[in-house]
N, C-alpha and C. Protein backbone atom coordinates (compact mmCIF):
# COMPACT_ATOMS: atom_id res chain seq x y z
N MET A 1 7.92 11.49 9.45
CA MET A 1 7.02 10.34 9.20
C MET A 1 7.76 9.06 9.47
N ASP A 2 7.23 8.22 10.35
CA ASP A 2 7.82 6.93 10.58
C ASP A 2 7.23 5.88 9.68
N HIS A 3 5.91 5.70 9.74
CA HIS A 3 5.24 4.69 9.00
C HIS A 3 3.81 5.18 8.66
N ILE A 4 3.29 4.69 7.56
CA ILE A 4 1.89 4.84 7.20
C ILE A 4 1.35 3.48 6.83
N LEU A 5 0.18 3.16 7.35
CA LEU A 5 -0.46 1.93 7.01
C LEU A 5 -1.87 2.29 6.58
N SER A 6 -2.36 1.69 5.50
CA SER A 6 -3.78 1.89 5.01
C SER A 6 -4.26 0.51 4.52
N ALA A 7 -5.24 0.01 5.16
CA ALA A 7 -5.68 -1.37 4.77
C ALA A 7 -7.16 -1.56 5.15
N GLY A 8 -7.71 -2.58 4.55
CA GLY A 8 -9.10 -3.03 4.78
C GLY A 8 -9.08 -4.31 5.72
N THR A 9 -10.04 -4.32 6.63
CA THR A 9 -10.08 -5.47 7.54
C THR A 9 -10.57 -6.73 6.88
N ASP A 10 -11.14 -6.63 5.66
CA ASP A 10 -11.61 -7.80 4.91
C ASP A 10 -10.49 -8.56 4.23
N GLY A 11 -9.25 -7.93 4.16
CA GLY A 11 -8.11 -8.57 3.55
C GLY A 11 -7.99 -8.34 2.07
N THR A 12 -8.87 -7.48 1.51
CA THR A 12 -8.73 -7.16 0.09
C THR A 12 -8.90 -5.69 -0.12
N ASP A 13 -8.39 -5.21 -1.23
CA ASP A 13 -8.59 -3.79 -1.54
C ASP A 13 -9.05 -3.74 -3.03
N GLY A 14 -10.34 -3.56 -3.26
CA GLY A 14 -10.88 -3.70 -4.58
C GLY A 14 -10.65 -5.00 -5.24
N PRO A 15 -10.27 -4.98 -6.49
CA PRO A 15 -10.07 -6.24 -7.20
C PRO A 15 -8.69 -6.91 -7.05
N THR A 16 -7.90 -6.51 -5.99
CA THR A 16 -6.56 -6.99 -5.85
C THR A 16 -6.46 -8.05 -4.73
N ASP A 17 -5.31 -8.61 -4.56
CA ASP A 17 -5.09 -9.59 -3.45
C ASP A 17 -4.49 -8.95 -2.26
N ALA A 18 -4.31 -7.63 -2.32
CA ALA A 18 -3.78 -6.85 -1.21
C ALA A 18 -4.85 -6.31 -0.33
N ALA A 19 -4.61 -6.32 1.02
CA ALA A 19 -5.44 -5.69 2.02
C ALA A 19 -5.16 -4.21 2.00
N GLY A 20 -4.00 -3.81 1.58
CA GLY A 20 -3.59 -2.41 1.58
C GLY A 20 -2.05 -2.33 1.44
N ALA A 21 -1.50 -1.27 2.09
CA ALA A 21 -0.01 -1.08 1.96
C ALA A 21 0.54 -0.44 3.18
N ILE A 22 1.83 -0.65 3.45
CA ILE A 22 2.55 0.04 4.49
C ILE A 22 3.83 0.52 3.95
N VAL A 23 4.25 1.74 4.34
CA VAL A 23 5.46 2.36 3.84
C VAL A 23 6.03 3.14 4.98
N ASP A 24 7.40 3.30 4.94
CA ASP A 24 8.03 4.16 5.94
C ASP A 24 8.89 5.21 5.18
N GLY A 25 9.26 6.17 5.93
CA GLY A 25 10.05 7.30 5.36
C GLY A 25 11.33 6.83 4.74
N ILE A 26 11.94 5.84 5.20
CA ILE A 26 13.19 5.34 4.61
C ILE A 26 12.98 4.81 3.21
N GLN A 27 11.86 4.03 3.02
CA GLN A 27 11.55 3.53 1.70
C GLN A 27 11.27 4.69 0.78
N LEU A 28 10.57 5.73 1.22
CA LEU A 28 10.24 6.84 0.33
C LEU A 28 11.48 7.66 -0.02
N LYS A 29 12.50 7.59 0.72
CA LYS A 29 13.73 8.41 0.46
C LYS A 29 14.76 7.63 -0.35
N GLN A 30 14.53 6.36 -0.60
CA GLN A 30 15.47 5.57 -1.37
C GLN A 30 15.64 6.12 -2.78
N ARG A 31 16.80 6.00 -3.23
CA ARG A 31 17.09 6.48 -4.58
C ARG A 31 16.21 5.90 -5.60
N GLY A 32 15.59 6.72 -6.46
CA GLY A 32 14.77 6.32 -7.51
C GLY A 32 13.26 6.23 -7.18
N VAL A 33 12.92 6.15 -5.91
CA VAL A 33 11.48 5.99 -5.54
C VAL A 33 10.70 7.30 -5.85
N GLN A 34 11.32 8.45 -5.64
CA GLN A 34 10.55 9.70 -5.85
C GLN A 34 10.09 9.79 -7.37
N GLY A 35 10.85 9.41 -8.35
CA GLY A 35 10.46 9.41 -9.66
C GLY A 35 9.33 8.41 -9.94
N LEU A 36 9.46 7.27 -9.31
CA LEU A 36 8.45 6.24 -9.47
C LEU A 36 7.07 6.70 -8.95
N ILE A 37 7.06 7.44 -7.86
CA ILE A 37 5.80 7.88 -7.26
C ILE A 37 4.97 8.63 -8.26
N ARG A 38 5.60 9.58 -8.95
CA ARG A 38 4.86 10.39 -9.94
C ARG A 38 4.34 9.52 -11.14
N ASP A 39 5.16 8.59 -11.61
CA ASP A 39 4.71 7.73 -12.73
C ASP A 39 3.57 6.87 -12.36
N TYR A 40 3.56 6.23 -11.16
CA TYR A 40 2.57 5.35 -10.77
C TYR A 40 1.21 6.12 -10.39
N MET A 41 1.46 7.31 -9.84
CA MET A 41 0.28 8.11 -9.51
C MET A 41 -0.39 8.57 -10.75
N ASN A 42 0.32 9.01 -11.76
CA ASN A 42 -0.29 9.42 -13.05
C ASN A 42 -1.07 8.31 -13.66
N ASN A 43 -0.72 7.04 -13.44
CA ASN A 43 -1.42 5.88 -13.96
C ASN A 43 -2.44 5.33 -13.01
N ASN A 44 -2.64 5.99 -11.87
CA ASN A 44 -3.59 5.48 -10.81
C ASN A 44 -3.25 4.03 -10.46
N ASP A 45 -1.98 3.70 -10.21
CA ASP A 45 -1.51 2.37 -10.07
C ASP A 45 -0.75 2.21 -8.75
N SER A 46 -1.39 2.40 -7.64
CA SER A 46 -0.68 2.27 -6.30
C SER A 46 -0.34 0.79 -6.04
N TYR A 47 -1.09 -0.16 -6.53
CA TYR A 47 -0.73 -1.55 -6.27
C TYR A 47 0.61 -1.91 -6.81
N ASN A 48 0.91 -1.57 -8.02
CA ASN A 48 2.22 -1.94 -8.61
C ASN A 48 3.39 -1.03 -8.04
N PHE A 49 3.10 0.15 -7.62
CA PHE A 49 4.11 0.98 -6.87
C PHE A 49 4.48 0.25 -5.62
N PHE A 50 3.43 -0.06 -4.80
CA PHE A 50 3.81 -0.65 -3.56
C PHE A 50 4.39 -2.07 -3.67
N LYS A 51 3.98 -2.75 -4.74
CA LYS A 51 4.59 -4.03 -5.01
C LYS A 51 6.12 -3.85 -5.30
N LYS A 52 6.42 -2.85 -6.09
CA LYS A 52 7.85 -2.56 -6.46
C LYS A 52 8.74 -2.25 -5.22
N ILE A 53 8.11 -1.48 -4.26
CA ILE A 53 8.94 -1.14 -3.11
C ILE A 53 8.65 -2.10 -1.89
N ASP A 54 7.99 -3.25 -2.18
CA ASP A 54 7.76 -4.29 -1.13
C ASP A 54 6.90 -3.71 -0.01
N GLY A 55 5.86 -2.92 -0.33
CA GLY A 55 4.99 -2.36 0.65
C GLY A 55 3.58 -2.95 0.77
N LEU A 56 3.21 -3.90 -0.12
CA LEU A 56 1.91 -4.44 -0.12
C LEU A 56 1.72 -5.21 1.18
N LEU A 57 0.46 -5.11 1.72
CA LEU A 57 0.02 -5.87 2.90
C LEU A 57 -0.93 -6.94 2.34
N ILE A 58 -0.46 -8.23 2.30
CA ILE A 58 -1.32 -9.28 1.72
C ILE A 58 -1.65 -10.23 2.95
N THR A 59 -2.90 -10.30 3.26
CA THR A 59 -3.24 -11.18 4.39
C THR A 59 -4.17 -12.27 3.93
N GLY A 60 -4.75 -12.17 2.73
CA GLY A 60 -5.78 -13.10 2.30
C GLY A 60 -7.07 -12.71 2.99
N PRO A 61 -8.22 -13.22 2.48
CA PRO A 61 -9.51 -12.91 2.99
C PRO A 61 -9.56 -13.21 4.52
N THR A 62 -10.14 -12.29 5.29
CA THR A 62 -10.23 -12.44 6.76
C THR A 62 -11.57 -12.96 7.24
N GLY A 63 -12.56 -12.87 6.33
CA GLY A 63 -13.92 -13.24 6.80
C GLY A 63 -14.66 -12.15 7.60
N THR A 64 -14.09 -10.96 7.62
CA THR A 64 -14.73 -9.89 8.40
C THR A 64 -14.59 -8.59 7.50
N ASN A 65 -15.51 -7.75 7.67
CA ASN A 65 -15.43 -6.45 6.99
C ASN A 65 -15.91 -5.37 7.95
N VAL A 66 -15.09 -5.16 8.95
CA VAL A 66 -15.43 -4.12 9.89
C VAL A 66 -15.24 -2.71 9.45
N MET A 67 -14.05 -2.41 8.83
CA MET A 67 -13.81 -1.07 8.36
C MET A 67 -12.49 -1.05 7.60
N GLU A 68 -12.16 0.09 7.03
CA GLU A 68 -10.91 0.43 6.50
C GLU A 68 -10.13 1.10 7.67
N PHE A 69 -8.84 0.99 7.80
CA PHE A 69 -8.11 1.73 8.78
C PHE A 69 -6.84 2.27 8.26
N ARG A 70 -6.54 3.39 8.86
CA ARG A 70 -5.23 4.12 8.55
C ARG A 70 -4.50 4.36 9.83
N TYR A 71 -3.20 4.19 9.73
CA TYR A 71 -2.37 4.53 10.85
C TYR A 71 -1.10 5.35 10.35
N ALA A 72 -0.81 6.46 10.97
CA ALA A 72 0.33 7.24 10.59
C ALA A 72 1.03 7.72 11.79
């Protein structure tokens, strides 16, 4: 896995300021991240997980809502 991107074209994801997140295999293999994944998943808290590993995609409102997109 090189990269995974998941985001909304409207620039927000639910009630947050993030459009989504992007992560790569190197980030996921960093020491300590594996334990964090389980903790944040158990709390349904992907926002703060991606914030901690600097993976949030924050664009601000785009004025369009075409679709959600994923790239892997």
